[in-house]
């Protein structure tokens, strides 16, 4: 039960600390708006036309797929470090995990989500 108390205190402190720091930075930070600071900055180039354009959804799908497989590596690294201690059960569970992700990759490939526009 004590573990839940520590968890609740940790979450509570985090929930109070983050907004408090953001609020304090808005109080203390300098406020000198100018036309240059309010303008849109695009890699040192002056913008042409409206900044509100629609991007191809393929870019977002590509980024999400990258994140999925990046997170996969985060899960596989600890699994690989304790693999010998866990035995065959770990091998089967890891294989199922990788198979599900491989199925997702094949699905995305067949749908054309990996085609760069």
N, C-alpha and C. Protein backbone atom coordinates (compact mmCIF):
# COMPACT_ATOMS: atom_id res chain seq x y z
N UNK A 1 0.82 -1.19 0.00
CA UNK A 1 0.00 0.00 0.00
C UNK A 1 0.87 1.26 0.00
N UNK A 2 2.02 1.16 0.64
CA UNK A 2 2.90 2.31 0.72
C UNK A 2 3.45 2.71 -0.65
N UNK A 3 3.59 1.72 -1.54
CA UNK A 3 4.07 2.02 -2.89
C UNK A 3 3.08 2.93 -3.61
N UNK A 4 1.80 2.69 -3.42
CA UNK A 4 0.79 3.54 -4.06
C UNK A 4 0.80 4.94 -3.49
N UNK A 5 1.10 5.08 -2.23
CA UNK A 5 1.19 6.41 -1.62
C UNK A 5 2.35 7.19 -2.25
N UNK A 6 3.51 6.53 -2.40
CA UNK A 6 4.65 7.19 -3.03
C UNK A 6 4.33 7.55 -4.48
N UNK A 7 3.65 6.67 -5.18
CA UNK A 7 3.27 6.95 -6.56
C UNK A 7 2.32 8.14 -6.63
N UNK A 8 1.34 8.17 -5.74
CA UNK A 8 0.39 9.29 -5.73
C UNK A 8 1.09 10.61 -5.41
N UNK A 9 2.02 10.58 -4.46
CA UNK A 9 2.76 11.80 -4.13
C UNK A 9 3.61 12.24 -5.32
N UNK A 10 4.26 11.30 -5.98
CA UNK A 10 5.08 11.62 -7.14
C UNK A 10 4.25 12.23 -8.27
N UNK A 11 3.11 11.64 -8.55
CA UNK A 11 2.23 12.16 -9.60
C UNK A 11 1.69 13.53 -9.19
N UNK A 12 1.33 13.69 -7.93
CA UNK A 12 0.82 14.97 -7.46
C UNK A 12 1.86 16.07 -7.54
N UNK A 13 3.09 15.77 -7.14
CA UNK A 13 4.15 16.77 -7.23
C UNK A 13 4.42 17.13 -8.68
N UNK A 14 4.41 16.15 -9.56
CA UNK A 14 4.62 16.42 -10.98
C UNK A 14 3.49 17.24 -11.57
N UNK A 15 2.26 16.94 -11.16
CA UNK A 15 1.10 17.67 -11.68
C UNK A 15 1.09 19.12 -11.20
N UNK A 16 1.67 19.39 -10.06
CA UNK A 16 1.73 20.76 -9.55
C UNK A 16 2.99 21.47 -10.05
N UNK A 17 4.11 20.76 -10.12
CA UNK A 17 5.39 21.36 -10.46
C UNK A 17 5.42 21.89 -11.89
N UNK A 18 4.94 21.11 -12.84
CA UNK A 18 5.03 21.50 -14.25
C UNK A 18 4.24 22.77 -14.54
N UNK A 19 2.95 22.87 -14.16
CA UNK A 19 2.26 24.14 -14.40
C UNK A 19 2.86 25.30 -13.61
N UNK A 20 3.37 25.02 -12.42
CA UNK A 20 3.96 26.10 -11.62
C UNK A 20 5.20 26.67 -12.30
N UNK A 21 6.04 25.83 -12.87
CA UNK A 21 7.24 26.30 -13.55
C UNK A 21 6.86 27.09 -14.80
N UNK A 22 5.89 26.62 -15.54
CA UNK A 22 5.45 27.34 -16.74
C UNK A 22 4.87 28.70 -16.36
N UNK A 23 4.07 28.74 -15.32
CA UNK A 23 3.49 30.00 -14.85
C UNK A 23 4.57 30.97 -14.38
N UNK A 24 5.55 30.45 -13.62
CA UNK A 24 6.62 31.31 -13.12
C UNK A 24 7.48 31.85 -14.26
N UNK A 25 7.73 31.04 -15.30
CA UNK A 25 8.52 31.54 -16.42
C UNK A 25 7.78 32.62 -17.18
N UNK A 26 6.45 32.55 -17.24
CA UNK A 26 5.70 33.61 -17.89
C UNK A 26 5.71 34.89 -17.07
N UNK A 27 5.83 34.78 -15.75
CA UNK A 27 5.92 35.96 -14.91
C UNK A 27 7.30 36.62 -15.00
N UNK A 28 8.34 35.82 -14.98
CA UNK A 28 9.70 36.32 -14.90
C UNK A 28 10.28 36.65 -16.28
N UNK A 29 9.85 35.95 -17.29
CA UNK A 29 10.44 36.10 -18.63
C UNK A 29 10.23 37.47 -19.22
N UNK A 30 11.14 37.89 -20.11
CA UNK A 30 11.01 39.20 -20.74
C UNK A 30 9.85 39.21 -21.75
N UNK A 31 9.20 40.37 -21.81
CA UNK A 31 8.07 40.53 -22.73
C UNK A 31 8.32 41.78 -23.57
N UNK A 32 9.01 41.60 -24.67
CA UNK A 32 9.28 42.71 -25.59
C UNK A 32 8.88 42.29 -27.01
N UNK A 33 7.59 42.20 -27.29
CA UNK A 33 7.20 41.77 -28.64
C UNK A 33 7.54 42.84 -29.68
N UNK A 34 7.93 42.38 -30.85
CA UNK A 34 8.19 43.29 -31.96
C UNK A 34 7.70 42.61 -33.24
N UNK A 35 7.72 43.37 -34.31
CA UNK A 35 7.25 42.82 -35.58
C UNK A 35 8.14 41.67 -36.05
N UNK A 36 9.43 41.77 -35.78
CA UNK A 36 10.35 40.72 -36.20
C UNK A 36 10.12 39.46 -35.38
N UNK A 37 9.91 39.60 -34.08
CA UNK A 37 9.69 38.43 -33.23
C UNK A 37 8.36 37.76 -33.52
N UNK A 38 7.36 38.50 -33.95
CA UNK A 38 6.05 37.95 -34.22
C UNK A 38 5.94 37.36 -35.63
N UNK A 39 6.94 37.61 -36.48
CA UNK A 39 6.87 37.10 -37.84
C UNK A 39 7.20 35.61 -37.87
N UNK A 40 6.77 34.95 -38.92
CA UNK A 40 7.02 33.52 -39.08
C UNK A 40 8.46 33.32 -39.50
N UNK A 41 9.15 32.41 -38.82
CA UNK A 41 10.55 32.12 -39.15
C UNK A 41 10.61 30.78 -39.87
N UNK A 42 11.15 30.79 -41.04
CA UNK A 42 11.21 29.56 -41.83
C UNK A 42 12.63 29.37 -42.35
N UNK A 43 13.51 28.85 -41.51
CA UNK A 43 14.89 28.51 -41.90
C UNK A 43 15.65 29.70 -42.49
N UNK A 44 15.39 30.89 -42.01
CA UNK A 44 16.10 32.06 -42.49
C UNK A 44 15.55 32.62 -43.79
N UNK A 45 14.55 31.99 -44.35
CA UNK A 45 13.95 32.45 -45.60
C UNK A 45 12.67 33.21 -45.31
N UNK A 46 12.39 34.22 -46.09
CA UNK A 46 11.11 34.90 -45.94
C UNK A 46 10.02 34.00 -46.49
N UNK A 47 8.90 33.99 -45.81
CA UNK A 47 7.81 33.10 -46.22
C UNK A 47 7.10 33.67 -47.43
N UNK A 48 6.61 32.76 -48.24
CA UNK A 48 5.85 33.12 -49.43
C UNK A 48 4.47 32.52 -49.28
N UNK A 49 3.47 33.33 -49.27
CA UNK A 49 2.11 32.84 -49.14
C UNK A 49 1.74 32.56 -47.70
N UNK A 50 0.65 31.84 -47.53
CA UNK A 50 0.14 31.53 -46.21
C UNK A 50 0.92 30.37 -45.59
N UNK A 51 1.08 30.44 -44.28
CA UNK A 51 1.74 29.35 -43.57
C UNK A 51 0.76 28.21 -43.28
N UNK A 52 -0.52 28.42 -43.51
CA UNK A 52 -1.54 27.42 -43.22
C UNK A 52 -1.83 26.61 -44.48
N UNK A 53 -0.96 25.64 -44.75
CA UNK A 53 -1.17 24.76 -45.90
C UNK A 53 -1.34 23.33 -45.39
N UNK A 54 -1.96 22.51 -46.21
CA UNK A 54 -2.13 21.12 -45.85
C UNK A 54 -0.92 20.32 -46.31
N UNK A 55 -0.40 19.48 -45.42
CA UNK A 55 0.69 18.59 -45.77
C UNK A 55 0.12 17.23 -46.13
N UNK A 56 0.86 16.51 -46.92
CA UNK A 56 0.46 15.17 -47.29
C UNK A 56 0.47 14.28 -46.04
N UNK A 57 -0.57 13.51 -45.85
CA UNK A 57 -0.70 12.66 -44.67
C UNK A 57 0.39 11.58 -44.63
N UNK A 58 1.00 11.30 -45.77
CA UNK A 58 2.07 10.31 -45.82
C UNK A 58 3.26 10.66 -44.95
N UNK A 59 3.54 11.95 -44.81
CA UNK A 59 4.64 12.36 -43.95
C UNK A 59 4.36 11.98 -42.50
N UNK A 60 3.13 12.17 -42.07
CA UNK A 60 2.76 11.83 -40.69
C UNK A 60 2.78 10.31 -40.48
N UNK A 61 2.31 9.57 -41.46
CA UNK A 61 2.33 8.11 -41.36
C UNK A 61 3.76 7.59 -41.29
N UNK A 62 4.64 8.18 -42.09
CA UNK A 62 6.04 7.78 -42.07
C UNK A 62 6.65 8.06 -40.70
N UNK A 63 6.35 9.22 -40.13
CA UNK A 63 6.88 9.58 -38.81
C UNK A 63 6.33 8.66 -37.73
N UNK A 64 5.04 8.31 -37.81
CA UNK A 64 4.47 7.40 -36.82
C UNK A 64 5.06 6.01 -36.92
N UNK A 65 5.30 5.55 -38.13
CA UNK A 65 5.94 4.24 -38.29
C UNK A 65 7.36 4.26 -37.72
N UNK A 66 8.06 5.36 -37.92
CA UNK A 66 9.40 5.47 -37.33
C UNK A 66 9.32 5.39 -35.81
N UNK A 67 8.36 6.09 -35.22
CA UNK A 67 8.21 6.04 -33.77
C UNK A 67 7.87 4.65 -33.27
N UNK A 68 7.02 3.93 -34.00
CA UNK A 68 6.65 2.58 -33.59
C UNK A 68 7.88 1.69 -33.53
N UNK A 69 8.71 1.75 -34.55
CA UNK A 69 9.88 0.87 -34.57
C UNK A 69 11.00 1.39 -33.68
N UNK A 70 10.99 2.67 -33.39
CA UNK A 70 11.93 3.20 -32.40
C UNK A 70 11.56 2.71 -31.01
N UNK A 71 10.28 2.72 -30.70
CA UNK A 71 9.82 2.21 -29.41
C UNK A 71 10.04 0.70 -29.33
N UNK A 72 9.93 0.03 -30.47
CA UNK A 72 10.22 -1.42 -30.49
C UNK A 72 11.63 -1.68 -30.00
N UNK A 73 12.58 -0.89 -30.44
CA UNK A 73 13.96 -1.08 -30.01
C UNK A 73 14.12 -0.80 -28.51
N UNK A 74 13.36 0.13 -28.00
CA UNK A 74 13.41 0.42 -26.56
C UNK A 74 12.93 -0.79 -25.76
N UNK A 75 11.95 -1.51 -26.27
CA UNK A 75 11.45 -2.69 -25.58
C UNK A 75 12.36 -3.91 -25.78
N UNK A 76 12.98 -4.01 -26.95
CA UNK A 76 13.80 -5.18 -27.24
C UNK A 76 15.16 -5.16 -26.55
N UNK A 77 15.71 -4.00 -26.29
CA UNK A 77 17.04 -3.94 -25.67
C UNK A 77 17.04 -4.55 -24.26
N UNK A 78 16.13 -4.17 -23.35
CA UNK A 78 16.14 -4.83 -22.04
C UNK A 78 15.82 -6.32 -22.14
N UNK A 79 14.96 -6.70 -23.07
CA UNK A 79 14.63 -8.11 -23.26
C UNK A 79 15.88 -8.89 -23.66
N UNK A 80 16.70 -8.30 -24.54
CA UNK A 80 17.91 -9.00 -24.99
C UNK A 80 18.95 -9.11 -23.88
N UNK A 81 18.96 -8.16 -22.96
CA UNK A 81 19.96 -8.22 -21.89
C UNK A 81 19.67 -9.31 -20.88
N UNK A 82 18.41 -9.67 -20.67
CA UNK A 82 18.05 -10.70 -19.69
C UNK A 82 17.56 -11.98 -20.36
N UNK A 83 17.79 -12.09 -21.66
CA UNK A 83 17.26 -13.21 -22.42
C UNK A 83 17.76 -14.56 -21.89
N UNK A 84 19.05 -14.68 -21.59
CA UNK A 84 19.61 -15.96 -21.14
C UNK A 84 19.06 -16.38 -19.79
N UNK A 85 18.72 -15.43 -18.95
CA UNK A 85 18.19 -15.77 -17.63
C UNK A 85 16.74 -16.24 -17.70
N UNK A 86 16.01 -15.80 -18.72
CA UNK A 86 14.59 -16.11 -18.78
C UNK A 86 14.28 -17.38 -19.57
N UNK A 87 15.16 -17.76 -20.49
CA UNK A 87 15.00 -19.03 -21.18
C UNK A 87 14.07 -19.00 -22.37
N UNK A 88 13.45 -20.13 -22.63
CA UNK A 88 12.61 -20.33 -23.82
C UNK A 88 11.35 -19.47 -23.78
N UNK A 89 10.83 -19.24 -22.60
CA UNK A 89 9.62 -18.41 -22.49
C UNK A 89 9.87 -17.02 -23.04
N UNK A 90 11.03 -16.46 -22.71
CA UNK A 90 11.37 -15.14 -23.22
C UNK A 90 11.54 -15.15 -24.73
N UNK A 91 12.10 -16.24 -25.26
CA UNK A 91 12.26 -16.35 -26.70
C UNK A 91 10.90 -16.37 -27.41
N UNK A 92 9.96 -17.11 -26.87
CA UNK A 92 8.63 -17.19 -27.48
C UNK A 92 7.91 -15.85 -27.38
N UNK A 93 7.97 -15.21 -26.21
CA UNK A 93 7.31 -13.91 -26.05
C UNK A 93 7.94 -12.85 -26.94
N UNK A 94 9.27 -12.85 -27.03
CA UNK A 94 9.95 -11.91 -27.93
C UNK A 94 9.61 -12.17 -29.38
N UNK A 95 9.52 -13.43 -29.74
CA UNK A 95 9.15 -13.78 -31.11
C UNK A 95 7.74 -13.32 -31.46
N UNK A 96 6.81 -13.48 -30.53
CA UNK A 96 5.44 -13.01 -30.76
C UNK A 96 5.42 -11.50 -30.92
N UNK A 97 6.17 -10.80 -30.07
CA UNK A 97 6.23 -9.33 -30.14
C UNK A 97 6.78 -8.88 -31.49
N UNK A 98 7.87 -9.47 -31.93
CA UNK A 98 8.48 -9.10 -33.20
C UNK A 98 7.57 -9.50 -34.37
N UNK A 99 6.87 -10.62 -34.26
CA UNK A 99 5.95 -11.05 -35.32
C UNK A 99 4.80 -10.06 -35.48
N UNK A 100 4.26 -9.59 -34.37
CA UNK A 100 3.17 -8.60 -34.45
C UNK A 100 3.67 -7.32 -35.12
N UNK A 101 4.86 -6.87 -34.75
CA UNK A 101 5.41 -5.67 -35.37
C UNK A 101 5.75 -5.90 -36.84
N UNK A 102 6.22 -7.08 -37.19
CA UNK A 102 6.50 -7.40 -38.58
C UNK A 102 5.22 -7.41 -39.40
N UNK A 103 4.14 -7.93 -38.81
CA UNK A 103 2.85 -7.90 -39.49
C UNK A 103 2.40 -6.46 -39.73
N UNK A 104 2.61 -5.60 -38.75
CA UNK A 104 2.27 -4.19 -38.91
C UNK A 104 3.10 -3.53 -39.99
N UNK A 105 4.39 -3.88 -40.06
CA UNK A 105 5.25 -3.33 -41.10
C UNK A 105 4.80 -3.80 -42.47
N UNK A 106 4.48 -5.08 -42.62
CA UNK A 106 3.98 -5.59 -43.91
C UNK A 106 2.68 -4.92 -44.32
N UNK A 107 1.80 -4.70 -43.35
CA UNK A 107 0.53 -4.02 -43.64
C UNK A 107 0.78 -2.60 -44.14
N UNK A 108 1.67 -1.88 -43.45
CA UNK A 108 1.98 -0.51 -43.86
C UNK A 108 2.64 -0.50 -45.23
N UNK A 109 3.48 -1.48 -45.49
CA UNK A 109 4.16 -1.58 -46.78
C UNK A 109 3.15 -1.82 -47.90
N UNK A 110 2.21 -2.76 -47.66
CA UNK A 110 1.20 -3.06 -48.68
C UNK A 110 0.27 -1.88 -48.94
N UNK A 111 -0.01 -1.09 -47.89
CA UNK A 111 -0.87 0.08 -48.04
C UNK A 111 -0.15 1.26 -48.67
N UNK A 112 1.17 1.17 -48.82
CA UNK A 112 1.93 2.24 -49.44
C UNK A 112 2.35 3.35 -48.50
N UNK A 113 2.31 3.10 -47.19
CA UNK A 113 2.69 4.13 -46.23
C UNK A 113 4.18 4.40 -46.22
N UNK A 114 4.98 3.50 -46.78
CA UNK A 114 6.43 3.70 -46.81
C UNK A 114 6.90 4.37 -48.08
N UNK A 115 6.00 4.67 -48.98
CA UNK A 115 6.35 5.36 -50.23
C UNK A 115 6.54 6.84 -49.93
N UNK A 116 7.70 7.36 -50.26
CA UNK A 116 7.97 8.77 -50.02
C UNK A 116 7.42 9.57 -51.20
N UNK A 117 6.63 10.59 -50.89
CA UNK A 117 5.95 11.35 -51.95
C UNK A 117 6.88 12.36 -52.56
